[in-house]
């Protein structure tokens, strides 16, 4: 779970200026309610993302400063920063940027300043109502017909019934496939866990349990591929510093079930080790996962060596959203689309058509 950013209070000096100045100078302006506001650079530092990412989120998804007017500098109030933290937390759970923005706006509205404090306190003493709301939130995220219902998995998570969770995931994979199970069943539950943490400040243990159950289920759902359809392997790894590797195991399971051979190198692979693996295996493709933008830099891509045989690089996950990709790199954000695209590129359109 991502730790909440610091509140907008003065801290040590980080910018140039007269001696004794601090970040409080950046917060000197206030919004109409009298709350201190911060500029883009200060908010970016607090969230650990690039200022350009904040501007993109504002421009594309409307997750920006609520009091901003055309021609003025962007300044973020505490409520704006809290909304950005919600979006960042949803991205860490695997949501697409547009979905994460919708989630952040909805939860921010539900916990807004206009809501009575007694209502918020009541949530912490009404676990049954919390559970009901949590399951309703899961149901709201179930997006399509002909897909697994995530509510059963949510109930099993609340009961900390790991055996039932793994059985449900395994049955869903056999009935609907890996990608659909991830998108329609697992991701809504992971998102709801984060939502409950926002409301009540609990259930970290549920997140850990769900993660472990999904990982175990995906490993079991990954068949051995003794005669892969691709002659050279597909390397799967996380970018240096990136420890959110669960989606990578989902990708491996989906590719293996299509008869594609992979090599899983796991989380937080150092750049030098990735370069050595590329030279050693001469892969047909590299799928590099980054969940957060701090780990999805162009410098990571540039350190992947070129090989004599043609090799494609796929930058997977939301962490690459604001990275300018070199020509040999393709960004894949959606899991189901990533599986189809990697298969198509590795085997050629004719062989991958089903």
Protein backbone atom coordinates (compact mmCIF):
# COMPACT_ATOMS: atom_id res chain seq x y z
CA UNK A 1 0.00 0.00 0.00
CA UNK A 2 1.33 3.39 -0.88
CA UNK A 3 2.10 5.58 2.13
CA UNK A 4 0.12 8.79 2.18
CA UNK A 5 2.02 11.90 1.17
CA UNK A 6 2.88 14.46 3.77
CA UNK A 7 0.32 17.12 4.54
CA UNK A 8 0.87 20.58 3.06
CA UNK A 9 2.88 21.93 5.98
CA UNK A 10 6.19 23.82 5.91
CA UNK A 11 9.28 21.66 5.69
CA UNK A 12 12.97 22.12 5.04
CA UNK A 13 14.20 24.44 2.33
CA UNK A 14 14.38 22.95 -1.15
CA UNK A 15 14.28 25.97 -3.43
CA UNK A 16 16.60 28.89 -3.88
CA UNK A 17 15.68 32.11 -2.14
CA UNK A 18 16.56 34.29 0.82
CA UNK A 19 18.09 32.47 3.80
CA UNK A 20 15.47 30.95 6.07
CA UNK A 21 12.92 30.49 3.31
CA UNK A 22 11.30 27.05 3.12
CA UNK A 23 8.59 25.23 1.25
CA UNK A 24 6.16 27.35 3.27
CA UNK A 25 6.89 30.14 0.82
CA UNK A 26 5.39 27.99 -1.92
CA UNK A 27 2.25 27.56 0.17
CA UNK A 28 1.80 31.25 0.89
CA UNK A 29 -1.20 31.51 -1.44
CA UNK A 30 -4.57 30.28 -0.25
CA UNK A 31 -7.76 29.23 -1.93
CA UNK A 32 -11.18 30.71 -1.21
CA UNK A 33 -11.56 28.61 1.94
CA UNK A 34 -8.28 29.96 3.32
CA UNK A 35 -6.44 26.63 2.94
CA UNK A 36 -2.79 26.84 1.81
CA UNK A 37 -2.09 25.84 -1.76
CA UNK A 38 1.01 24.42 -3.43
CA UNK A 39 2.41 24.87 -6.96
CA UNK A 40 2.96 22.05 -9.43
CA UNK A 41 6.63 21.52 -8.54
CA UNK A 42 5.95 21.12 -4.82
CA UNK A 43 3.07 18.70 -5.37
CA UNK A 44 5.16 16.67 -7.82
CA UNK A 45 7.90 16.31 -5.21
CA UNK A 46 5.41 15.16 -2.58
CA UNK A 47 3.94 12.50 -4.89
CA UNK A 48 7.26 11.45 -6.41
CA UNK A 49 6.18 12.09 -10.00
CA UNK A 50 7.21 14.49 -12.76
CA UNK A 51 5.51 17.91 -13.01
CA UNK A 52 4.62 17.07 -16.61
CA UNK A 53 2.62 14.08 -15.32
CA UNK A 54 0.52 16.37 -13.13
CA UNK A 55 -0.21 18.65 -16.07
CA UNK A 56 -1.15 15.66 -18.21
CA UNK A 57 -3.52 14.31 -15.54
CA UNK A 58 -5.15 17.73 -15.36
CA UNK A 59 -5.43 18.17 -19.12
CA UNK A 60 -6.56 14.65 -20.06
CA UNK A 61 -8.50 13.48 -17.03
CA UNK A 62 -9.56 16.59 -15.15
CA UNK A 63 -7.67 15.63 -11.99
CA UNK A 64 -6.13 19.03 -11.35
CA UNK A 65 -6.45 22.02 -9.04
CA UNK A 66 -10.11 22.73 -8.43
CA UNK A 67 -9.65 26.50 -8.36
CA UNK A 68 -7.50 26.80 -11.47
CA UNK A 69 -8.51 29.35 -14.10
CA UNK A 70 -7.11 29.82 -17.61
CA UNK A 71 -4.03 32.02 -17.61
CA UNK A 72 -3.18 31.47 -13.96
CA UNK A 73 -0.60 29.21 -12.39
CA UNK A 74 -1.82 25.83 -11.13
CA UNK A 75 -1.96 25.71 -7.33
CA UNK A 76 -3.21 22.64 -5.47
CA UNK A 77 -5.26 22.73 -2.26
CA UNK A 78 -5.03 19.86 0.28
CA UNK A 79 -8.21 18.33 -1.14
CA UNK A 80 -6.68 18.39 -4.64
CA UNK A 81 -3.56 16.65 -3.36
CA UNK A 82 -5.68 14.01 -1.60
CA UNK A 83 -7.46 13.33 -4.90
CA UNK A 84 -4.12 12.91 -6.67
CA UNK A 85 -3.03 10.43 -3.99
CA UNK A 86 -6.18 8.40 -4.65
CA UNK A 87 -5.43 8.33 -8.37
CA UNK A 88 -1.84 7.29 -7.74
CA UNK A 89 -3.01 4.52 -5.40
CA UNK A 90 -5.42 3.21 -8.05
CA UNK A 91 -2.64 3.20 -10.64
CA UNK A 92 -0.53 1.11 -8.26
CA UNK A 93 -3.36 -1.44 -8.25
CA UNK A 94 -3.21 -1.77 -12.04
CA UNK A 95 -5.97 0.62 -13.10
CA UNK A 96 -5.68 2.43 -16.41
CA UNK A 97 -5.18 6.21 -16.05
CA UNK A 98 -8.76 7.07 -17.04
CA UNK A 99 -10.18 4.50 -14.59
CA UNK A 100 -7.88 5.74 -11.83
CA UNK A 101 -9.02 9.32 -12.40
CA UNK A 102 -12.70 8.32 -12.27
CA UNK A 103 -12.08 6.43 -9.04
CA UNK A 104 -10.23 9.36 -7.48
CA UNK A 105 -12.98 11.83 -8.32
CA UNK A 106 -15.71 9.53 -6.99
CA UNK A 107 -14.01 8.72 -3.68
CA UNK A 108 -12.96 12.33 -3.23
CA UNK A 109 -16.58 13.43 -3.67
CA UNK A 110 -17.78 10.81 -1.17
CA UNK A 111 -15.30 11.98 1.48
CA UNK A 112 -15.57 15.69 0.70
CA UNK A 113 -15.62 18.49 3.21
CA UNK A 114 -19.39 18.76 3.00
CA UNK A 115 -19.86 15.34 4.56
CA UNK A 116 -20.62 15.45 8.32
CA UNK A 117 -17.72 14.38 10.51
CA UNK A 118 -20.09 12.12 12.48
CA UNK A 119 -20.77 10.13 9.32
CA UNK A 120 -17.06 9.51 8.80
CA UNK A 121 -16.61 8.44 12.42
CA UNK A 122 -19.58 6.09 12.14
CA UNK A 123 -17.82 4.19 9.40
CA UNK A 124 -15.06 3.10 11.77
CA UNK A 125 -17.58 1.48 14.15
CA UNK A 126 -19.83 -0.17 11.57
CA UNK A 127 -17.83 -2.98 9.95
CA UNK A 128 -20.94 -4.71 8.63
CA UNK A 129 -21.96 -1.60 6.71
CA UNK A 130 -18.38 -1.22 5.50
CA UNK A 131 -18.41 -4.77 4.19
CA UNK A 132 -21.71 -4.18 2.40
CA UNK A 133 -20.45 -0.96 0.84
CA UNK A 134 -17.20 -2.64 -0.12
CA UNK A 135 -19.00 -5.47 -1.92
CA UNK A 136 -21.25 -2.94 -3.66
CA UNK A 137 -18.16 -1.08 -4.81
CA UNK A 138 -16.81 -4.33 -6.27
CA UNK A 139 -20.11 -4.97 -8.05
CA UNK A 140 -20.08 -1.44 -9.51
CA UNK A 141 -16.72 -2.16 -11.12
CA UNK A 142 -17.87 -5.39 -12.83
CA UNK A 143 -18.02 -3.98 -16.33
CA UNK A 144 -19.40 -6.53 -18.76
CA UNK A 145 -21.66 -9.51 -19.28
CA UNK A 146 -20.10 -12.92 -19.78
CA UNK A 147 -17.37 -12.27 -17.22
CA UNK A 148 -16.77 -13.64 -13.71
CA UNK A 149 -18.58 -11.95 -10.83
CA UNK A 150 -15.99 -10.48 -8.46
CA UNK A 151 -18.28 -10.34 -5.41
CA UNK A 152 -17.63 -13.93 -4.37
CA UNK A 153 -13.91 -13.27 -4.39
CA UNK A 154 -14.53 -10.12 -2.36
CA UNK A 155 -16.50 -12.05 0.28
CA UNK A 156 -13.77 -14.67 0.49
CA UNK A 157 -11.18 -11.91 0.92
CA UNK A 158 -13.18 -10.35 3.77
CA UNK A 159 -13.35 -13.77 5.43
CA UNK A 160 -9.61 -14.26 4.77
CA UNK A 161 -10.50 -17.58 3.15
CA UNK A 162 -7.45 -18.11 0.97
CA UNK A 163 -8.48 -21.59 -0.17
CA UNK A 164 -11.82 -20.35 -1.54
CA UNK A 165 -10.12 -17.41 -3.23
CA UNK A 166 -7.67 -19.63 -5.06
CA UNK A 167 -10.42 -22.04 -6.12
CA UNK A 168 -12.53 -19.15 -7.47
CA UNK A 169 -9.62 -17.68 -9.40
CA UNK A 170 -8.67 -21.07 -10.86
CA UNK A 171 -12.25 -21.78 -11.95
CA UNK A 172 -12.60 -18.33 -13.50
CA UNK A 173 -9.36 -18.76 -15.43
CA UNK A 174 -10.56 -22.05 -16.88
CA UNK A 175 -13.95 -20.57 -17.81
CA UNK A 176 -13.04 -17.08 -18.97
CA UNK A 177 -9.27 -16.99 -19.51
CA UNK A 178 -6.49 -15.23 -17.66
CA UNK A 179 -6.95 -11.70 -19.01
CA UNK A 180 -10.72 -11.56 -18.42
CA UNK A 181 -10.32 -12.99 -14.91
CA UNK A 182 -7.75 -10.32 -14.12
CA UNK A 183 -9.74 -7.42 -15.54
CA UNK A 184 -13.24 -8.40 -14.40
CA UNK A 185 -12.64 -10.32 -11.17
CA UNK A 186 -9.27 -9.63 -9.58
CA UNK A 187 -8.71 -5.96 -10.32
CA UNK A 188 -12.10 -4.87 -8.89
CA UNK A 189 -11.29 -6.64 -5.63
CA UNK A 190 -7.81 -5.12 -5.42
CA UNK A 191 -9.30 -1.69 -6.11
CA UNK A 192 -11.96 -2.18 -3.44
CA UNK A 193 -9.29 -3.12 -0.90
CA UNK A 194 -7.60 0.21 -1.60
CA UNK A 195 -10.95 2.00 -1.40
CA UNK A 196 -11.68 0.49 2.01
CA UNK A 197 -8.26 1.53 3.24
CA UNK A 198 -9.08 5.11 2.21
CA UNK A 199 -12.39 5.07 4.10
CA UNK A 200 -11.43 3.16 7.25
CA UNK A 201 -7.64 2.99 7.30
CA UNK A 202 -7.62 -0.80 7.63
CA UNK A 203 -7.41 -4.03 5.61
CA UNK A 204 -3.72 -3.97 4.71
CA UNK A 205 -3.81 -7.64 5.69
CA UNK A 206 -6.49 -8.23 3.04
CA UNK A 207 -4.34 -6.67 0.37
CA UNK A 208 -1.41 -8.91 1.26
CA UNK A 209 -3.60 -12.00 1.33
CA UNK A 210 -5.28 -11.25 -2.00
CA UNK A 211 -1.90 -10.54 -3.62
CA UNK A 212 -0.47 -13.84 -2.38
CA UNK A 213 -3.54 -15.80 -3.48
CA UNK A 214 -3.52 -14.26 -6.95
CA UNK A 215 0.21 -14.91 -7.30
CA UNK A 216 -0.19 -18.56 -6.30
CA UNK A 217 -3.15 -19.01 -8.64
CA UNK A 218 -1.32 -17.45 -11.58
CA UNK A 219 1.75 -19.61 -11.03
CA UNK A 220 -0.43 -22.73 -11.01
CA UNK A 221 -2.24 -21.51 -14.12
CA UNK A 222 1.05 -21.14 -16.00
CA UNK A 223 1.73 -24.37 -17.93
CA UNK A 224 5.15 -25.57 -18.92
CA UNK A 225 5.76 -24.92 -22.61
CA UNK A 226 8.22 -27.62 -23.75
CA UNK A 227 7.67 -26.84 -27.44
CA UNK A 228 6.94 -23.10 -27.61
CA UNK A 229 5.55 -21.56 -30.78
CA UNK A 230 8.24 -18.87 -30.63
CA UNK A 231 11.78 -19.99 -31.43
CA UNK A 232 13.36 -17.40 -29.11
CA UNK A 233 12.03 -16.57 -25.64
CA UNK A 234 10.16 -13.49 -24.42
CA UNK A 235 11.89 -11.92 -21.42
CA UNK A 236 9.53 -10.66 -18.70
CA UNK A 237 10.80 -8.40 -15.93
CA UNK A 238 10.08 -5.30 -13.90
CA UNK A 239 12.01 -2.09 -14.40
CA UNK A 240 14.78 -1.33 -11.90
CA UNK A 241 13.21 -0.33 -8.58
CA UNK A 242 9.76 -1.63 -9.57
CA UNK A 243 8.48 -4.19 -7.08
CA UNK A 244 4.85 -4.44 -8.23
CA UNK A 245 5.35 -7.63 -10.20
CA UNK A 246 1.91 -9.25 -9.87
CA UNK A 247 0.64 -8.08 -13.32
CA UNK A 248 3.78 -9.57 -14.85
CA UNK A 249 2.83 -13.03 -13.55
CA UNK A 250 -0.62 -12.56 -15.05
CA UNK A 251 0.98 -11.72 -18.39
CA UNK A 252 3.23 -14.78 -18.20
CA UNK A 253 0.28 -17.08 -17.49
CA UNK A 254 -1.70 -15.67 -20.42
CA UNK A 255 1.23 -16.01 -22.84
CA UNK A 256 2.08 -19.54 -21.67
CA UNK A 257 -1.52 -20.66 -22.19
CA UNK A 258 -1.13 -19.56 -25.81
CA UNK A 259 1.96 -21.70 -26.20
CA UNK A 260 4.50 -18.87 -26.00
CA UNK A 261 7.78 -19.44 -24.18
CA UNK A 262 8.90 -16.84 -21.65
CA UNK A 263 11.68 -16.23 -19.16
CA UNK A 264 10.48 -14.59 -15.94
CA UNK A 265 13.12 -12.40 -14.28
CA UNK A 266 10.81 -10.89 -11.67
CA UNK A 267 10.75 -7.64 -9.74
CA UNK A 268 13.24 -4.78 -9.62
CA UNK A 269 15.74 -6.23 -12.08
CA UNK A 270 18.88 -4.06 -12.25
CA UNK A 271 19.58 -2.58 -15.68
CA UNK A 272 22.94 -4.34 -15.92
CA UNK A 273 21.32 -7.69 -15.19
CA UNK A 274 18.67 -7.12 -17.86
CA UNK A 275 21.40 -6.27 -20.36
CA UNK A 276 23.26 -9.47 -19.47
CA UNK A 277 20.09 -11.55 -19.86
CA UNK A 278 19.42 -10.03 -23.29
CA UNK A 279 22.94 -10.87 -24.47
CA UNK A 280 22.71 -14.37 -23.03
CA UNK A 281 19.30 -15.38 -24.43
CA UNK A 282 18.90 -13.25 -27.59
CA UNK A 283 15.15 -12.91 -26.93
CA UNK A 284 12.57 -12.20 -29.57
CA UNK A 285 11.00 -9.59 -27.27
CA UNK A 286 11.39 -7.95 -23.87
CA UNK A 287 8.31 -6.98 -21.84
CA UNK A 288 9.38 -4.48 -19.20
CA UNK A 289 6.79 -3.63 -16.51
CA UNK A 290 6.58 -0.32 -14.63
CA UNK A 291 3.65 0.44 -12.34
CA UNK A 292 4.72 3.95 -11.28
CA UNK A 293 6.23 6.73 -13.36
CA UNK A 294 9.28 7.03 -11.10
CA UNK A 295 10.44 3.65 -12.46
CA UNK A 296 9.40 4.12 -16.09
CA UNK A 297 12.18 6.30 -17.46
CA UNK A 298 13.61 6.38 -20.98
CA UNK A 299 17.08 5.76 -19.53
CA UNK A 300 15.98 2.25 -18.57
CA UNK A 301 15.09 1.51 -22.19
CA UNK A 302 18.34 2.98 -23.50
CA UNK A 303 20.39 0.53 -21.43
CA UNK A 304 18.87 -2.50 -23.18
CA UNK A 305 21.50 -3.59 -25.73
CA UNK A 306 20.74 -4.17 -29.38
CA UNK A 307 21.23 -7.70 -30.67
CA UNK A 308 22.12 -9.15 -34.05
CA UNK A 309 18.70 -10.71 -34.31
CA UNK A 310 15.66 -8.45 -34.38
CA UNK A 311 14.20 -7.85 -30.90
CA UNK A 312 11.09 -5.89 -29.90
CA UNK A 313 10.73 -4.05 -26.61
CA UNK A 314 7.34 -3.62 -24.96
CA UNK A 315 7.01 -1.06 -22.17
CA UNK A 316 4.09 -2.46 -20.18
CA UNK A 317 2.05 -0.79 -17.46
CA UNK A 318 0.98 2.73 -16.48
CA UNK A 319 4.46 3.75 -15.33
CA UNK A 320 5.50 4.48 -18.93
CA UNK A 321 2.54 6.76 -19.63
CA UNK A 322 4.56 10.00 -19.84
CA UNK A 323 7.79 8.52 -21.23
CA UNK A 324 8.88 9.46 -24.75
CA UNK A 325 9.53 6.05 -26.27
CA UNK A 326 12.36 5.33 -28.71
CA UNK A 327 11.28 3.94 -32.07
CA UNK A 328 11.99 0.32 -31.15
CA UNK A 329 9.70 0.47 -28.10
CA UNK A 330 5.91 0.06 -27.96
CA UNK A 331 3.83 1.01 -24.93
CA UNK A 332 1.20 -1.56 -23.87
CA UNK A 333 -1.13 -0.53 -21.04
CA UNK A 334 -4.08 -2.93 -21.27
CA UNK A 335 -3.31 -6.52 -20.26
CA UNK A 336 -5.59 -8.26 -22.75
CA UNK A 337 -4.32 -6.01 -25.52
CA UNK A 338 -0.75 -6.66 -24.45
CA UNK A 339 -1.18 -10.43 -24.75
CA UNK A 340 -2.68 -10.11 -28.23
CA UNK A 341 -0.06 -7.63 -29.40
CA UNK A 342 2.94 -9.56 -28.11
CA UNK A 343 1.65 -12.76 -29.71
CA UNK A 344 1.00 -10.96 -32.97
CA UNK A 345 4.44 -9.36 -33.14
CA UNK A 346 6.37 -12.42 -32.00
CA UNK A 347 4.66 -14.88 -34.33
CA UNK A 348 3.42 -12.70 -37.15
CA UNK A 349 -0.18 -11.80 -37.93
CA UNK A 350 -0.97 -15.02 -39.81
CA UNK A 351 0.14 -17.41 -37.05
CA UNK A 352 -1.49 -15.41 -34.25
CA UNK A 353 -4.93 -15.17 -35.85
CA UNK A 354 -7.38 -17.45 -34.04
